[in-house]
Amino acid sequence: PWPSHVYHWHSEGFDLPRGSELLAQGETFPNQAFRHGHNAFGLQFHPEVTQDMMCRWATRGAHHLTKPGAQPGEAHLAGWSRYDPAVCHWLDCFLDSWLGLTMPEKNR
């Protein structure tokens, strides 16, 4: 299952490529993850973000935090602290599954 909360650092959305399957949705930007075929995935959110990365983004990109709908820097840190363990677990499982799907049989 997809994580219930993920880290976002964007202010734009996208349309799904033709023939893609929507896998995860968000409130502000509906298309958050999709699959095209069996092993091509697109993610709009950032499951890879570390606490250091998030702090750098919130510091160096502080001007983005004043845009409509943006959370204050403190909310970024609090949300990351609360939800990161579940997102890390999801990312590990997702990558294991994805790499297992794309690796040739003889290399497993």
Protein backbone atom coordinates (compact mmCIF):
# COMPACT_ATOMS: atom_id res chain seq x y z
CA PRO A 1 0.00 0.00 0.00
CA TRP A 2 1.04 3.59 -0.65
CA PRO A 3 2.02 5.77 2.33
CA SER A 4 -0.74 7.99 3.68
CA HIS A 5 1.51 11.08 3.91
CA VAL A 6 4.54 11.91 1.77
CA TYR A 7 6.94 14.82 1.40
CA HIS A 8 6.14 17.40 -1.28
CA TRP A 9 8.30 20.20 -2.58
CA HIS A 10 6.65 21.35 -5.76
CA SER A 11 4.10 23.81 -7.02
CA GLU A 12 3.03 22.23 -10.26
CA GLY A 13 1.15 19.20 -11.47
CA PHE A 14 1.11 17.11 -14.62
CA ASP A 15 -1.20 15.13 -16.85
CA LEU A 16 -0.75 11.38 -16.99
CA PRO A 17 1.02 10.07 -20.08
CA ARG A 18 -1.33 8.23 -22.42
CA GLY A 19 -1.71 4.59 -21.40
CA SER A 20 -0.46 5.15 -17.84
CA GLU A 21 -2.13 3.90 -14.69
CA LEU A 22 -2.65 6.34 -11.80
CA LEU A 23 -1.33 4.80 -8.57
CA ALA A 24 -1.48 7.60 -5.99
CA GLN A 25 -3.42 10.85 -5.71
CA GLY A 26 -3.07 14.02 -3.67
CA GLU A 27 -5.48 16.77 -2.74
CA THR A 28 -3.79 19.78 -4.34
CA PHE A 29 -2.06 17.97 -7.20
CA PRO A 30 -4.08 14.87 -8.05
CA ASN A 31 -1.44 12.92 -10.01
CA GLN A 32 1.21 11.85 -7.51
CA ALA A 33 2.36 8.49 -8.86
CA PHE A 34 1.80 6.46 -12.00
CA ARG A 35 2.99 3.36 -13.79
CA HIS A 36 3.55 3.04 -17.51
CA GLY A 37 3.83 -0.57 -18.55
CA HIS A 38 5.21 -3.04 -16.02
CA ASN A 39 8.38 -1.34 -14.82
CA ALA A 40 8.33 2.41 -15.53
CA PHE A 41 7.11 4.54 -12.63
CA GLY A 42 6.75 8.28 -12.11
CA LEU A 43 6.55 9.91 -8.68
CA GLN A 44 5.67 13.55 -8.03
CA PHE A 45 6.40 13.36 -4.31
CA HIS A 46 9.79 12.82 -2.65
CA PRO A 47 10.13 9.52 -0.75
CA GLU A 48 13.93 9.85 -0.97
CA VAL A 49 14.20 13.04 1.08
CA THR A 50 16.32 12.94 4.22
CA GLN A 51 16.02 15.30 7.17
CA ASP A 52 19.16 17.14 6.01
CA MET A 53 17.77 17.53 2.48
CA MET A 54 14.43 18.79 3.79
CA CYS A 55 16.14 21.33 6.05
CA ARG A 56 18.31 22.56 3.15
CA TRP A 57 15.28 22.91 0.88
CA ALA A 58 13.31 24.77 3.55
CA THR A 59 16.28 27.09 4.24
CA ARG A 60 17.62 27.72 0.74
CA GLY A 61 14.16 27.71 -0.80
CA ALA A 62 12.44 29.64 1.98
CA HIS A 63 10.89 31.99 -0.58
CA HIS A 64 8.80 29.02 -1.80
CA LEU A 65 7.26 28.69 1.66
CA THR A 66 5.39 31.97 1.19
CA LYS A 67 3.48 30.72 -1.85
CA PRO A 68 -0.25 29.95 -1.55
CA GLY A 69 -0.83 26.51 -0.06
CA ALA A 70 2.76 26.12 1.17
CA GLN A 71 3.39 24.96 4.70
CA PRO A 72 5.74 26.87 7.01
CA GLY A 73 9.21 25.41 7.55
CA GLU A 74 8.32 24.09 11.01
CA ALA A 75 5.45 22.08 9.52
CA HIS A 76 7.84 20.50 7.01
CA LEU A 77 10.11 19.30 9.81
CA ALA A 78 7.23 18.11 12.01
CA GLY A 79 5.59 16.23 9.13
CA TRP A 80 8.86 14.65 8.06
CA SER A 81 9.58 13.52 11.64
CA ARG A 82 6.12 12.03 12.02
CA TYR A 83 5.76 10.25 8.68
CA ASP A 84 9.31 9.42 7.53
CA PRO A 85 9.55 5.96 9.17
CA ALA A 86 6.47 4.76 7.25
CA VAL A 87 7.68 6.38 4.01
CA CYS A 88 11.13 4.77 4.37
CA HIS A 89 9.53 1.38 4.90
CA TRP A 90 7.29 1.91 1.87
CA LEU A 91 10.25 3.03 -0.28
CA ASP A 92 12.32 -0.02 0.70
CA CYS A 93 9.42 -2.35 -0.18
CA PHE A 94 8.66 -0.47 -3.41
CA LEU A 95 12.27 -0.59 -4.60
CA ASP A 96 12.64 -4.27 -3.69
CA SER A 97 9.48 -5.09 -5.62
CA TRP A 98 10.39 -2.90 -8.59
CA LEU A 99 13.93 -4.22 -8.88
CA GLY A 100 12.71 -7.78 -8.49
CA LEU A 101 10.26 -7.16 -11.32
CA THR A 102 12.89 -5.79 -13.70
CA MET A 103 15.85 -8.08 -12.95
CA PRO A 104 16.39 -11.02 -15.32
CA GLU A 105 15.45 -14.40 -13.81
CA LYS A 106 19.02 -15.75 -13.93
CA ASN A 107 20.31 -12.87 -11.75
CA ARG A 108 17.88 -13.36 -8.87
